Amino acid sequence: MNAVTLSKCLRRFLEVIACCAMCLLSLGMAESFGESPKLSSAPQKETLGLGERIYREGILPTGEHLRASVKGGISVPGMTFACISCHLRSGLGGFDEGVRTPSINGAKLFRPLPATFKGVELSMDIVPPLRPAYTEESLIDVIRTGNAPDGRVLNEGMPRYLLSDSDARILVTYLKALSSRFSPGVGENELRFATVISEDFRPKESKAMLASIENYFGMKNMLARSSSDSRSRQMAQNMVGKDLAGRTFSFSRWILKGPPETWLRQLEEYNRKEPVFALLGGMVDGDWRPVHQFSEENGIPCLFPNTDLPVVSDNDGYTLYLSKGYYQEGESAARYLQGTAELLKGQPVVQIVRTSRESQALAAGFQKTLLELGMQAPVTVNLPPGKKLDRKFLQRVLDREKPAVIAVWDDDTVLPVLEFMNRRGGLPKTIFLSARYLGESIWILPESVRDVAYLTYPFAFAFPPVRTSMGIVKVQDDRPQTVRQADIPLKDEVKKITSMTSALTQLLSNLLMELKGDYYRDNLLDVAGMMSDQQYPLFGRISFGTGQRYAARGCFIVQLSHGTNPELTKKTGWVIH
């Protein structure tokens, strides 16, 4: 490849990145003991599990909380000073508010710490190391007392842990394995990735996602292959970093066949044959839970799967979702209701739930949040399987419960029923509906219902909504307080998927650069948690934080104005969860 051709290729690569700049997301992730050397005996594996619990949760093998002594001799329990709080999942530490936390992973602790100059390690034959390699004994001593083997005393910000001999050795065993070798999916000059698609998923949309990812990987691999001469190599390193410039990316399609109960076994087989560093995107016609479970059990990060029905959990940590989907809308309705509690006047809140995954997710978020806010649980009325809400059914519920508020978690088939009931004066003054579930039918919400209908709207207000097969899509609009129906060029689901996947690949690019050559899956997650807020085509601005798994955590409550050209108007700000 001559210099002119290379220059054009690099210029084109930069243009592709520039087109995604408004969608730029920056993340990074790391690896737990999934990357550790293979263990041959059950006792060793059990020890690693116990050590991981001490490190991540501050829980000792006895079930008691880890205790530590801080400045002034005060003893504090558990997660207050769990190792993960400062040194992160990967053990590689980080930089926060001007304070750098050092690496304590196996690859760093048990060898001398070399001096560096401008990020480059200096030969220990020329410059003495900053500290000698730790042994088990010296590491246990510094954990307990803060006294380093070179005579230094660690900063007072480092707790002194109150550990028995056996518990200290369990923790050190875990630290030896923590980020000691690169994760599966990392070759000498290659990083391997995959996406998950069910075979019956809509072909046009899955092809759009695949084409976007493969185009990005093709550009990246062309860049890696072209960096043979010094000038090209320097250009590539300036763009993506020294280590990443020479690496190629491979990308596999993991196609799931048959019923969802067989998917976990299929994923395990794919991973056995071809382990990957991370999963990207993904689309399945059904429940995402088997893929989520696979990521958790194998410690494999999964970035932004295309699902509105994620697994909502406070404990899991390997899938980074765009949002909680429908569940998040239910949460937002509950939070809005808390601010208008005087409307209830002792009357119940009723939610009507049909037998769909969308409806049940909305109801779960609504009920759990009400209870967490200290409010009374809603009366949940489940529609029989296969039955749509009709006038008689709704009338019976209203007559029996006499609610102050109802949440009807249903699609647009419910609108004629609500119009009929409200014309008769039978509806409460507050009804919650899901804008995502109604889709473009929000614009034909009956006039008679608009004053009492409150819609959960989980998208950025800078983008007017359009109904597609996967939900509501937006394009730029310059009015921040209202959203109107209009002729919109992005009515095509394929274009929506292409835009979102371009943002994903741009996110991946930035995450990998931030890894700085430390290719541990948990480090990828750690880097993600330290990224600043980013723009995204669907949710406007998304944000991250340590341990955060849902990038867009807000939702608006809106109403539809009257007239033939209605607008959605905000009743709340962006409700944060």
Protein backbone atom coordinates (compact mmCIF):
# COMPACT_ATOMS: atom_id res chain seq x y z
CA MET A 1 0.00 0.00 0.00
CA ASN A 2 1.56 3.33 -1.06
CA ALA A 3 1.58 6.47 1.08
CA VAL A 4 -1.23 8.17 -0.87
CA THR A 5 -3.53 5.18 -0.54
CA LEU A 6 -2.71 4.82 3.14
CA SER A 7 -3.40 8.49 3.72
CA LYS A 8 -6.81 8.14 2.06
CA CYS A 9 -7.63 5.08 4.15
CA LEU A 10 -6.67 6.82 7.37
CA ARG A 11 -8.64 9.90 6.36
CA ARG A 12 -11.69 7.71 5.66
CA PHE A 13 -11.28 6.01 9.05
CA LEU A 14 -11.25 9.39 10.76
CA GLU A 15 -14.34 10.43 8.80
CA VAL A 16 -16.19 7.35 10.02
CA ILE A 17 -15.25 8.22 13.60
CA ALA A 18 -16.30 11.84 13.09
CA CYS A 19 -19.75 10.77 11.86
CA CYS A 20 -20.25 8.96 15.16
CA ALA A 21 -18.87 11.76 17.31
CA MET A 22 -22.29 12.91 18.56
CA CYS A 23 -22.94 9.32 19.57
CA LEU A 24 -19.58 8.96 21.28
CA LEU A 25 -19.62 6.68 24.25
CA SER A 26 -16.62 5.89 26.32
CA LEU A 27 -16.37 2.83 28.44
CA GLY A 28 -13.88 0.32 29.72
CA MET A 29 -13.99 -2.98 31.42
CA ALA A 30 -11.84 -5.46 33.33
CA GLU A 31 -11.49 -9.04 34.39
CA SER A 32 -12.12 -11.01 37.60
CA PHE A 33 -10.49 -14.27 38.40
CA GLY A 34 -12.02 -15.61 35.17
CA GLU A 35 -8.62 -14.81 33.65
CA SER A 36 -6.64 -16.56 36.40
CA PRO A 37 -4.42 -19.57 35.80
CA LYS A 38 -6.42 -22.77 35.58
CA LEU A 39 -6.76 -24.54 38.89
CA SER A 40 -6.63 -28.28 39.17
CA SER A 41 -8.29 -28.88 42.49
CA ALA A 42 -11.63 -27.99 44.04
CA PRO A 43 -10.02 -26.66 47.27
CA GLN A 44 -8.00 -24.10 45.25
CA LYS A 45 -11.11 -22.97 43.39
CA GLU A 46 -12.96 -22.68 46.67
CA THR A 47 -10.14 -20.58 48.11
CA LEU A 48 -10.31 -18.22 45.13
CA GLY A 49 -14.06 -17.87 45.63
CA LEU A 50 -13.60 -17.02 49.30
CA GLY A 51 -10.84 -14.56 48.47
CA GLU A 52 -12.96 -12.89 45.82
CA ARG A 53 -15.75 -12.41 48.36
CA ILE A 54 -13.34 -10.72 50.78
CA TYR A 55 -11.97 -8.51 48.00
CA ARG A 56 -15.29 -7.53 46.40
CA GLU A 57 -17.83 -7.67 49.22
CA GLY A 58 -15.81 -7.32 52.40
CA ILE A 59 -17.23 -10.62 53.69
CA LEU A 60 -14.98 -13.11 55.50
CA PRO A 61 -15.27 -16.90 55.08
CA THR A 62 -17.15 -17.00 58.41
CA GLY A 63 -19.80 -14.68 56.97
CA GLU A 64 -18.67 -11.83 59.20
CA HIS A 65 -17.82 -8.40 57.80
CA LEU A 66 -14.21 -7.54 57.13
CA ARG A 67 -12.94 -4.93 59.58
CA ALA A 68 -10.21 -2.35 59.12
CA SER A 69 -8.49 0.28 61.20
CA VAL A 70 -8.27 3.77 59.70
CA LYS A 71 -6.66 7.02 60.83
CA GLY A 72 -7.26 7.53 64.54
CA GLY A 73 -7.58 3.81 65.26
CA ILE A 74 -11.29 3.64 64.42
CA SER A 75 -12.47 0.20 63.34
CA VAL A 76 -14.93 0.18 60.43
CA PRO A 77 -16.80 -2.77 58.88
CA GLY A 78 -17.19 -4.48 55.55
CA MET A 79 -17.87 -2.70 52.29
CA THR A 80 -16.78 0.64 53.77
CA PHE A 81 -13.23 -0.34 52.83
CA ALA A 82 -13.62 -3.44 50.67
CA CYS A 83 -10.59 -3.66 48.37
CA ILE A 84 -12.75 -3.22 45.26
CA SER A 85 -13.83 0.24 46.42
CA CYS A 86 -10.43 1.72 45.55
CA HIS A 87 -8.55 -0.89 43.52
CA LEU A 88 -11.59 -1.80 41.36
CA ARG A 89 -12.66 -5.20 40.03
CA SER A 90 -9.48 -5.76 38.05
CA GLY A 91 -7.11 -4.73 40.85
CA LEU A 92 -5.51 -2.24 38.47
CA GLY A 93 -6.61 0.78 40.47
CA GLY A 94 -7.48 4.14 38.98
CA PHE A 95 -7.26 7.90 39.20
CA ASP A 96 -10.06 9.78 40.96
CA GLU A 97 -10.14 13.41 42.17
CA GLY A 98 -6.38 13.74 41.95
CA VAL A 99 -5.69 10.54 43.91
CA ARG A 100 -4.11 7.58 42.14
CA THR A 101 -4.80 4.12 43.52
CA PRO A 102 -2.00 1.69 42.60
CA SER A 103 -2.36 -1.71 40.98
CA ILE A 104 -2.53 -4.69 43.34
CA ASN A 105 -3.07 -7.46 40.78
CA GLY A 106 -1.01 -10.62 40.56
CA ALA A 107 1.05 -9.42 37.59
CA LYS A 108 2.26 -6.35 39.54
CA LEU A 109 2.58 -7.30 43.21
CA PHE A 110 4.92 -10.24 42.92
CA ARG A 111 7.64 -8.61 40.87
CA PRO A 112 9.73 -5.50 41.54
CA LEU A 113 8.02 -2.24 40.67
CA PRO A 114 10.16 -0.50 38.02
CA ALA A 115 10.54 3.26 37.79
CA THR A 116 8.90 4.87 34.76
CA PHE A 117 9.51 7.90 32.57
CA LYS A 118 6.59 9.28 30.57
CA GLY A 119 4.76 6.00 31.03
CA VAL A 120 7.69 3.84 29.87
CA GLU A 121 9.28 1.37 32.30
CA LEU A 122 12.97 1.99 32.90
CA SER A 123 15.41 -0.88 33.01
CA MET A 124 16.11 -2.02 36.56
CA ASP A 125 19.74 -2.50 35.53
CA ILE A 126 19.97 1.28 35.14
CA VAL A 127 17.43 2.65 37.65
CA PRO A 128 16.67 0.77 40.88
CA PRO A 129 13.07 -0.45 41.27
CA LEU A 130 10.69 1.64 43.34
CA ARG A 131 10.04 -1.34 45.59
CA PRO A 132 11.06 -5.02 45.70
CA ALA A 133 8.68 -7.81 44.77
CA TYR A 134 6.23 -8.77 47.47
CA THR A 135 6.29 -12.20 49.04
CA GLU A 136 3.24 -13.71 50.69
CA GLU A 137 4.57 -12.73 54.09
CA SER A 138 5.50 -9.15 53.21
CA LEU A 139 2.17 -8.64 51.45
CA ILE A 140 0.23 -9.88 54.48
CA ASP A 141 2.28 -7.57 56.66
CA VAL A 142 1.58 -4.48 54.55
CA ILE A 143 -2.13 -5.32 54.40
CA ARG A 144 -2.25 -5.50 58.19
CA THR A 145 0.18 -2.76 59.21
CA GLY A 146 0.81 -0.51 56.21
CA ASN A 147 4.56 -1.17 56.48
CA ALA A 148 6.01 -1.88 53.02
CA PRO A 149 9.01 -4.24 52.57
CA ASP A 150 11.28 -1.33 51.53
CA GLY A 151 10.68 0.46 54.85
CA ARG A 152 8.04 2.88 53.59
CA VAL A 153 4.80 3.41 55.49
CA LEU A 154 1.75 3.50 53.24
CA ASN A 155 -0.47 6.56 53.07
CA GLU A 156 -3.08 6.85 55.84
CA GLY A 157 -5.76 6.54 53.21
CA MET A 158 -4.88 2.84 53.00
CA PRO A 159 -6.79 0.96 55.73
CA ARG A 160 -5.00 -1.52 57.97
CA TYR A 161 -7.04 -4.71 57.77
CA LEU A 162 -7.80 -6.84 60.81
CA LEU A 163 -7.30 -10.30 59.30
CA SER A 164 -6.52 -13.67 60.83
CA ASP A 165 -3.63 -15.66 59.36
CA SER A 166 -5.94 -17.98 57.42
CA ASP A 167 -8.12 -15.16 56.06
CA ALA A 168 -5.05 -13.15 55.06
CA ARG A 169 -3.65 -16.10 53.09
CA ILE A 170 -6.99 -16.62 51.36
CA LEU A 171 -6.98 -12.98 50.27
CA VAL A 172 -3.36 -13.16 49.07
CA THR A 173 -4.16 -16.32 47.07
CA TYR A 174 -6.89 -14.37 45.30
CA LEU A 175 -4.60 -11.38 44.66
CA LYS A 176 -2.03 -13.70 43.07
CA ALA A 177 -4.64 -14.82 40.53
CA LEU A 178 -6.32 -11.44 40.03
CA SER A 179 -5.52 -10.03 36.55
CA SER A 180 -2.40 -12.17 36.41
CA ARG A 181 -2.85 -13.19 32.76
CA PHE A 182 -4.73 -11.60 29.88
CA SER A 183 -8.33 -12.71 29.51
CA PRO A 184 -9.56 -15.32 27.05
CA GLY A 185 -10.10 -13.80 23.62
CA VAL A 186 -6.77 -11.96 23.74
CA GLY A 187 -4.13 -13.28 21.34
CA GLU A 188 -0.59 -12.09 20.80
CA ASN A 189 -1.72 -9.63 18.11
CA GLU A 190 -5.49 -10.11 18.09
CA LEU A 191 -8.65 -9.36 20.07
CA ARG A 192 -11.67 -11.61 19.50
CA PHE A 193 -15.29 -10.47 19.79
CA ALA A 194 -18.71 -11.91 19.00
CA THR A 195 -22.36 -10.95 18.83
CA VAL A 196 -25.39 -13.09 19.69
CA ILE A 197 -28.37 -13.38 17.33
CA SER A 198 -31.30 -15.79 17.36
CA GLU A 199 -31.86 -17.39 13.97
CA ASP A 200 -35.47 -16.19 13.72
CA PHE A 201 -34.68 -12.52 14.39
CA ARG A 202 -35.71 -9.98 11.74
CA PRO A 203 -33.10 -10.34 8.95
CA LYS A 204 -32.94 -6.69 7.83
CA GLU A 205 -32.26 -5.44 11.35
CA SER A 206 -29.71 -8.11 12.22
CA LYS A 207 -27.91 -7.52 8.91
CA ALA A 208 -27.78 -3.79 9.65
CA MET A 209 -26.15 -4.43 13.03
CA LEU A 210 -23.68 -6.93 11.59
CA ALA A 211 -22.75 -4.69 8.68
CA SER A 212 -22.04 -1.76 10.99
CA ILE A 213 -19.80 -3.81 13.30
CA GLU A 214 -17.99 -5.56 10.45
CA ASN A 215 -17.38 -2.25 8.67
CA TYR A 216 -15.77 -0.85 11.82
CA PHE A 217 -13.61 -3.96 12.31
CA GLY A 218 -12.61 -3.89 8.65
CA MET A 219 -11.39 -0.30 8.99
CA LYS A 220 -9.52 -1.12 12.19
CA ASN A 221 -7.85 -4.19 10.67
CA MET A 222 -6.83 -2.24 7.57
CA LEU A 223 -5.20 0.27 9.90
CA ALA A 224 -3.34 -2.51 11.75
CA ARG A 225 -2.11 -4.15 8.54
CA SER A 226 -0.95 -0.84 7.05
CA SER A 227 1.29 0.09 9.98
CA SER A 228 4.41 -1.66 8.67
CA ASP A 229 6.53 1.40 7.88
CA SER A 230 7.52 3.91 10.56
CA ARG A 231 5.41 6.81 9.28
CA SER A 232 2.25 4.72 9.01
CA ARG A 233 2.91 3.12 12.38
CA GLN A 234 3.23 6.53 14.05
CA MET A 235 -0.02 7.72 12.47
CA ALA A 236 -1.82 4.59 13.65
CA GLN A 237 -0.42 4.91 17.17
CA ASN A 238 -1.54 8.52 17.36
CA MET A 239 -5.06 7.45 16.42
CA VAL A 240 -5.65 4.41 18.61
CA GLY A 241 -2.66 4.07 20.94
CA LYS A 242 0.61 2.17 20.68
CA ASP A 243 -0.53 -1.30 21.72
CA LEU A 244 -3.86 -1.25 19.92
CA ALA A 245 -2.44 0.02 16.62
CA GLY A 246 -0.83 -3.30 15.72
CA ARG A 247 -3.69 -5.56 16.84
CA THR A 248 -6.35 -6.95 14.56
CA PHE A 249 -9.94 -7.63 15.64
CA SER A 250 -11.85 -10.79 14.81
CA PHE A 251 -15.62 -10.91 14.93
CA SER A 252 -17.89 -13.95 15.13
CA ARG A 253 -21.62 -14.46 14.84
CA TRP A 254 -23.04 -16.72 17.52
CA ILE A 255 -26.36 -17.82 16.05
CA LEU A 256 -28.82 -19.32 18.53
CA LYS A 257 -31.23 -21.95 17.26
CA GLY A 258 -34.26 -23.59 18.77
CA PRO A 259 -36.04 -22.73 22.04
CA PRO A 260 -34.47 -20.34 24.60
CA GLU A 261 -33.99 -23.12 27.14
CA THR A 262 -31.25 -24.54 24.85
CA TRP A 263 -29.44 -21.22 24.30
CA LEU A 264 -27.19 -21.39 27.35
CA ARG A 265 -25.79 -24.73 26.24
CA GLN A 266 -25.22 -23.37 22.73
CA LEU A 267 -23.41 -20.31 24.06
CA GLU A 268 -21.17 -22.47 26.23
CA GLU A 269 -20.22 -24.50 23.15
CA TYR A 270 -19.44 -21.40 21.09
CA ASN A 271 -17.27 -20.10 23.92
CA ARG A 272 -15.48 -23.41 24.31
CA LYS A 273 -14.52 -23.47 20.64
CA GLU A 274 -13.75 -19.79 20.26
CA PRO A 275 -13.46 -17.76 23.50
CA VAL A 276 -13.96 -14.02 23.08
CA PHE A 277 -12.92 -10.93 25.01
CA ALA A 278 -16.42 -9.41 24.95
CA LEU A 279 -19.85 -9.64 23.32
CA LEU A 280 -21.10 -6.67 21.30
CA GLY A 281 -24.73 -5.70 20.80
CA GLY A 282 -26.91 -8.69 20.02
CA MET A 283 -30.53 -9.38 19.09
CA VAL A 284 -32.80 -12.26 20.06
CA ASP A 285 -36.45 -12.92 19.46
CA GLY A 286 -37.34 -13.76 23.03
CA ASP A 287 -35.95 -13.40 26.51
CA TRP A 288 -32.40 -12.03 26.84
CA ARG A 289 -31.98 -13.83 30.18
CA PRO A 290 -30.05 -16.89 28.88
CA VAL A 291 -27.43 -14.62 27.29
CA HIS A 292 -27.25 -12.54 30.46
CA GLN A 293 -26.76 -15.68 32.53
CA PHE A 294 -24.01 -16.87 30.20
CA SER A 295 -22.13 -13.57 30.56
CA GLU A 296 -22.40 -13.70 34.35
CA GLU A 297 -21.30 -17.30 34.71
CA ASN A 298 -18.31 -16.86 32.40
CA GLY A 299 -17.30 -13.30 33.34
CA ILE A 300 -17.67 -12.07 29.75
CA PRO A 301 -18.66 -8.41 29.26
CA CYS A 302 -21.60 -7.76 26.97
CA LEU A 303 -21.96 -4.20 25.66
CA PHE A 304 -25.39 -2.73 24.88
CA PRO A 305 -27.54 -5.64 23.67
CA ASN A 306 -30.56 -4.50 21.68
CA THR A 307 -33.32 -5.33 24.15
CA ASP A 308 -36.04 -3.41 25.97
CA LEU A 309 -36.36 -6.30 28.42
CA PRO A 310 -33.01 -6.57 30.20
CA VAL A 311 -32.41 -8.62 33.31
CA VAL A 312 -32.84 -6.18 36.19
CA SER A 313 -30.54 -7.11 39.06
CA ASP A 314 -28.54 -5.36 41.78
CA ASN A 315 -25.96 -8.13 41.97
CA ASP A 316 -24.91 -9.00 38.42
CA GLY A 317 -22.22 -7.00 36.69
CA TYR A 318 -21.12 -8.21 33.27
CA THR A 319 -23.82 -6.87 30.93
CA LEU A 320 -23.90 -3.15 30.29
CA TYR A 321 -27.43 -2.24 29.18
CA LEU A 322 -28.55 1.01 27.61
CA SER A 323 -31.35 1.20 30.17
CA LYS A 324 -33.71 -0.96 32.22
CA GLY A 325 -36.20 -0.72 29.37
CA TYR A 326 -39.87 -1.11 30.21
CA TYR A 327 -39.04 -1.77 33.86
CA GLN A 328 -37.57 1.73 34.10
CA GLU A 329 -40.82 3.31 32.92
CA GLY A 330 -42.70 1.59 35.72
CA GLU A 331 -40.15 2.96 38.18
CA SER A 332 -40.65 6.48 36.87
CA ALA A 333 -44.43 6.33 37.15
CA ALA A 334 -44.07 5.30 40.80
CA ARG A 335 -41.69 8.17 41.54
CA TYR A 336 -44.05 10.65 39.94
CA LEU A 337 -46.89 9.26 42.01
CA GLN A 338 -44.89 9.79 45.20
CA GLY A 339 -44.81 13.52 44.46
CA THR A 340 -48.60 13.66 44.10
CA ALA A 341 -49.53 11.42 47.03
CA GLU A 342 -52.30 13.82 48.07
CA LEU A 343 -54.28 12.61 45.06
CA LEU A 344 -54.74 9.21 46.66
CA LYS A 345 -56.73 10.31 49.75
CA GLY A 346 -56.70 6.78 51.09
CA GLN A 347 -57.87 5.25 47.82
CA PRO A 348 -55.88 2.43 46.21
CA VAL A 349 -53.64 2.46 43.15
CA VAL A 350 -54.52 -0.23 40.60
CA GLN A 351 -52.35 -1.59 37.81
CA ILE A 352 -53.83 -3.70 35.04
CA VAL A 353 -51.34 -6.16 33.58
CA ARG A 354 -51.67 -8.27 30.46
CA THR A 355 -49.69 -11.47 29.85
CA SER A 356 -46.85 -9.96 27.86
CA ARG A 357 -43.21 -9.53 28.85
CA GLU A 358 -43.49 -5.77 28.27
CA SER A 359 -46.51 -5.36 30.52
CA GLN A 360 -45.06 -7.51 33.26
CA ALA A 361 -41.77 -5.55 33.24
CA LEU A 362 -43.68 -2.26 33.57
CA ALA A 363 -45.71 -3.67 36.46
CA ALA A 364 -42.63 -5.05 38.25
CA GLY A 365 -40.83 -1.70 38.15
CA PHE A 366 -43.97 0.15 39.29
CA GLN A 367 -44.71 -2.12 42.25
CA LYS A 368 -41.16 -2.51 43.53
CA THR A 369 -40.50 1.23 43.44
CA LEU A 370 -43.73 2.10 45.24
CA LEU A 371 -42.77 -0.26 48.03
CA GLU A 372 -39.21 1.10 48.19
CA LEU A 373 -40.65 4.60 48.54
CA GLY A 374 -42.69 3.49 51.53
CA MET A 375 -46.02 3.65 49.72
CA GLN A 376 -48.78 1.08 49.64
CA ALA A 377 -48.43 -1.69 47.08
CA PRO A 378 -50.69 -1.34 44.06
CA VAL A 379 -53.63 -3.67 43.54
CA THR A 380 -52.49 -5.78 40.60
CA VAL A 381 -55.16 -7.06 38.25
CA ASN A 382 -53.91 -9.59 35.72
CA LEU A 383 -55.73 -10.05 32.45
CA PRO A 384 -56.35 -13.73 31.63
CA PRO A 385 -53.94 -15.14 29.02
CA GLY A 386 -54.95 -14.14 25.51
CA LYS A 387 -57.59 -11.65 26.73
CA LYS A 388 -57.56 -7.97 25.78
CA LEU A 389 -58.88 -5.31 28.10
CA ASP A 390 -62.54 -4.59 27.34
CA ARG A 391 -65.17 -2.25 28.79
CA LYS A 392 -66.84 -4.83 31.03
CA PHE A 393 -63.60 -6.02 32.56
CA LEU A 394 -62.40 -2.47 33.25
CA GLN A 395 -65.77 -1.45 34.68
CA ARG A 396 -65.73 -4.36 37.12
CA VAL A 397 -62.24 -3.38 38.31
CA LEU A 398 -63.23 0.28 38.78
CA ASP A 399 -66.46 -0.60 40.61
CA ARG A 400 -64.70 -3.05 42.91
CA GLU A 401 -61.53 -1.11 43.76
CA LYS A 402 -62.61 2.54 43.34
CA PRO A 403 -59.00 3.58 42.63
CA ALA A 404 -57.58 7.07 42.72
CA VAL A 405 -55.01 6.09 40.10
CA ILE A 406 -54.79 3.31 37.54
CA ALA A 407 -51.81 2.19 35.49
CA VAL A 408 -52.84 0.37 32.34
CA TRP A 409 -49.77 -1.44 31.08
CA ASP A 410 -51.05 -2.33 27.62
CA ASP A 411 -50.55 -1.51 23.95
CA ASP A 412 -52.74 0.70 21.75
CA THR A 413 -55.66 -1.77 21.76
CA VAL A 414 -56.68 -0.24 25.08
CA LEU A 415 -57.28 3.29 23.71
CA PRO A 416 -60.91 2.82 22.52
CA VAL A 417 -61.79 1.30 25.90
CA LEU A 418 -60.33 4.25 27.80
CA GLU A 419 -62.12 6.74 25.55
CA PHE A 420 -65.50 5.06 26.08
CA MET A 421 -65.04 4.83 29.85
CA ASN A 422 -63.91 8.43 30.23
CA ARG A 423 -66.81 9.77 28.18
CA ARG A 424 -69.05 8.12 30.75
CA GLY A 425 -67.08 9.81 33.54
CA GLY A 426 -65.86 6.50 34.91
CA LEU A 427 -62.07 6.96 34.90
CA PRO A 428 -59.90 8.33 37.72
CA LYS A 429 -58.13 11.64 37.20
CA THR A 430 -54.74 9.94 36.78
CA ILE A 431 -54.01 7.13 34.33
CA PHE A 432 -50.49 5.92 33.55
CA LEU A 433 -49.63 4.56 30.11
CA SER A 434 -46.32 3.61 28.49
CA ALA A 435 -45.34 5.73 25.49
CA ARG A 436 -42.91 3.04 24.32
CA TYR A 437 -45.64 0.39 24.45
CA LEU A 438 -48.18 2.59 22.67
CA GLY A 439 -45.67 3.54 19.98
CA GLU A 440 -46.87 5.96 17.33
CA SER A 441 -50.40 5.59 18.67
CA ILE A 442 -49.51 8.19 21.28
CA TRP A 443 -50.44 10.75 18.59
CA ILE A 444 -54.00 9.40 18.30
CA LEU A 445 -54.64 9.29 22.04
CA PRO A 446 -58.36 10.22 22.26
CA GLU A 447 -59.03 13.87 23.07
CA SER A 448 -61.29 12.92 25.96
CA VAL A 449 -58.45 11.03 27.68
CA ARG A 450 -55.58 13.49 27.22
CA ASP A 451 -56.16 15.46 30.42
CA VAL A 452 -56.04 12.36 32.63
CA ALA A 453 -53.45 10.26 30.73
CA TYR A 454 -49.82 10.51 31.89
CA LEU A 455 -47.27 8.83 29.63
CA THR A 456 -43.91 7.42 30.66
CA TYR A 457 -41.46 8.63 27.98
CA PRO A 458 -37.92 7.20 28.34
CA PHE A 459 -36.21 9.03 25.47
CA ALA A 460 -34.38 12.32 25.05
CA PHE A 461 -36.71 15.24 24.39
CA ALA A 462 -34.40 16.56 21.70
CA PHE A 463 -35.67 13.77 19.47
CA PRO A 464 -39.29 13.38 18.30
CA PRO A 465 -40.60 9.80 18.44
CA VAL A 466 -41.43 7.41 15.61
CA ARG A 467 -42.96 3.96 16.00
CA THR A 468 -40.86 1.11 14.62
CA SER A 469 -40.83 -2.62 15.13
CA MET A 470 -38.59 -2.24 18.20
CA GLY A 471 -40.05 0.86 19.77
CA ILE A 472 -39.74 4.59 19.32
CA VAL A 473 -36.88 6.26 17.45
CA LYS A 474 -35.88 9.92 17.41
CA VAL A 475 -34.07 12.41 15.22
CA GLN A 476 -32.84 15.85 16.15
CA ASP A 477 -35.38 18.58 16.91
CA ASP A 478 -34.47 22.00 18.28
CA ARG A 479 -37.23 22.40 20.87
CA PRO A 480 -36.32 21.16 24.36
CA GLN A 481 -39.70 21.41 26.11
CA THR A 482 -42.08 19.79 23.63
CA VAL A 483 -42.03 17.00 21.09
CA ARG A 484 -44.21 17.08 17.98
CA GLN A 485 -45.26 14.61 15.33
CA ALA A 486 -43.52 15.36 12.05
CA ASP A 487 -42.25 13.92 8.82
CA ILE A 488 -39.04 12.23 9.98
CA PRO A 489 -36.37 10.71 7.75
CA LEU A 490 -35.35 8.03 10.26
CA LYS A 491 -38.52 5.97 10.02
CA ASP A 492 -36.49 3.00 8.91
CA GLU A 493 -35.53 0.54 11.65
CA VAL A 494 -32.44 -0.39 9.64
CA LYS A 495 -31.16 3.19 9.86
CA LYS A 496 -31.88 3.25 13.58
CA ILE A 497 -29.90 0.06 14.15
CA THR A 498 -27.03 1.34 12.01
CA SER A 499 -26.87 4.59 13.99
CA MET A 500 -26.98 2.85 17.36
CA THR A 501 -24.37 0.25 16.37
CA SER A 502 -22.04 2.95 15.06
CA ALA A 503 -22.26 4.54 18.50
CA LEU A 504 -21.49 1.15 20.07
CA THR A 505 -18.36 0.61 17.95
CA GLN A 506 -17.19 4.11 18.74
CA LEU A 507 -17.69 3.34 22.41
CA LEU A 508 -15.70 0.13 22.01
CA SER A 509 -12.87 2.00 20.31
CA ASN A 510 -12.55 4.44 23.18
CA LEU A 511 -12.81 1.75 25.81
CA LEU A 512 -10.04 -0.30 24.25
CA MET A 513 -7.76 2.72 24.01
CA GLU A 514 -8.37 3.45 27.70
CA LEU A 515 -7.30 -0.09 28.60
CA LYS A 516 -3.75 0.96 27.64
CA GLY A 517 -2.76 -2.61 26.84
CA ASP A 518 -4.17 -4.18 30.03
CA TYR A 519 -6.54 -6.62 28.35
CA TYR A 520 -8.55 -7.93 31.28
CA ARG A 521 -12.31 -8.22 31.02
CA ASP A 522 -12.85 -6.68 34.45
CA ASN A 523 -10.59 -3.79 33.44
CA LEU A 524 -12.98 -3.11 30.56
CA LEU A 525 -15.79 -2.74 33.10
CA ASP A 526 -13.63 -0.61 35.39
CA VAL A 527 -12.77 1.79 32.58
CA ALA A 528 -16.45 2.02 31.66
CA GLY A 529 -17.24 3.06 35.20
CA MET A 530 -14.77 5.95 35.04
CA MET A 531 -15.93 7.41 31.72
CA SER A 532 -17.52 10.85 31.52
CA ASP A 533 -21.07 11.37 30.25
CA GLN A 534 -21.53 10.76 26.53
CA GLN A 535 -24.03 11.60 23.80
CA TYR A 536 -26.10 8.76 22.38
CA PRO A 537 -28.59 8.77 19.47
CA LEU A 538 -31.51 7.31 21.40
CA PHE A 539 -31.21 8.72 24.91
CA GLY A 540 -29.40 12.00 24.33
CA ARG A 541 -26.88 11.80 27.15
CA ILE A 542 -25.89 8.67 29.01
CA SER A 543 -23.67 8.42 32.06
CA PHE A 544 -21.58 5.84 33.82
CA GLY A 545 -20.23 5.17 37.26
CA THR A 546 -18.37 2.48 39.18
CA GLY A 547 -20.49 -0.66 39.09
CA GLN A 548 -23.22 1.04 37.03
CA ARG A 549 -24.85 -1.29 34.50
CA TYR A 550 -27.62 0.91 33.05
CA ALA A 551 -26.29 3.83 31.03
CA ALA A 552 -29.55 5.80 30.64
CA ARG A 553 -31.28 5.90 34.00
CA GLY A 554 -34.01 8.47 33.48
CA CYS A 555 -37.51 8.91 32.10
CA PHE A 556 -39.94 11.78 31.51
CA ILE A 557 -43.61 11.88 32.46
CA VAL A 558 -45.46 13.67 29.64
CA GLN A 559 -48.95 14.52 28.44
CA LEU A 560 -50.36 15.02 24.96
CA SER A 561 -51.76 18.45 24.14
CA HIS A 562 -55.17 18.91 22.52
CA GLY A 563 -55.81 19.54 18.83
CA THR A 564 -55.11 17.88 15.53
CA ASN A 565 -51.35 18.62 15.68
CA PRO A 566 -50.60 17.66 19.30
CA GLU A 567 -47.33 17.88 21.15
CA LEU A 568 -45.91 15.93 24.05
CA THR A 569 -45.24 18.26 26.97
CA LYS A 570 -43.12 17.53 30.02
CA LYS A 571 -44.78 17.11 33.39
CA THR A 572 -41.49 16.25 35.07
CA GLY A 573 -37.80 16.55 34.48
CA TRP A 574 -35.62 13.57 33.69
CA VAL A 575 -36.46 11.26 36.61
CA ILE A 576 -33.16 9.68 37.69
CA HIS A 577 -32.97 6.22 39.27
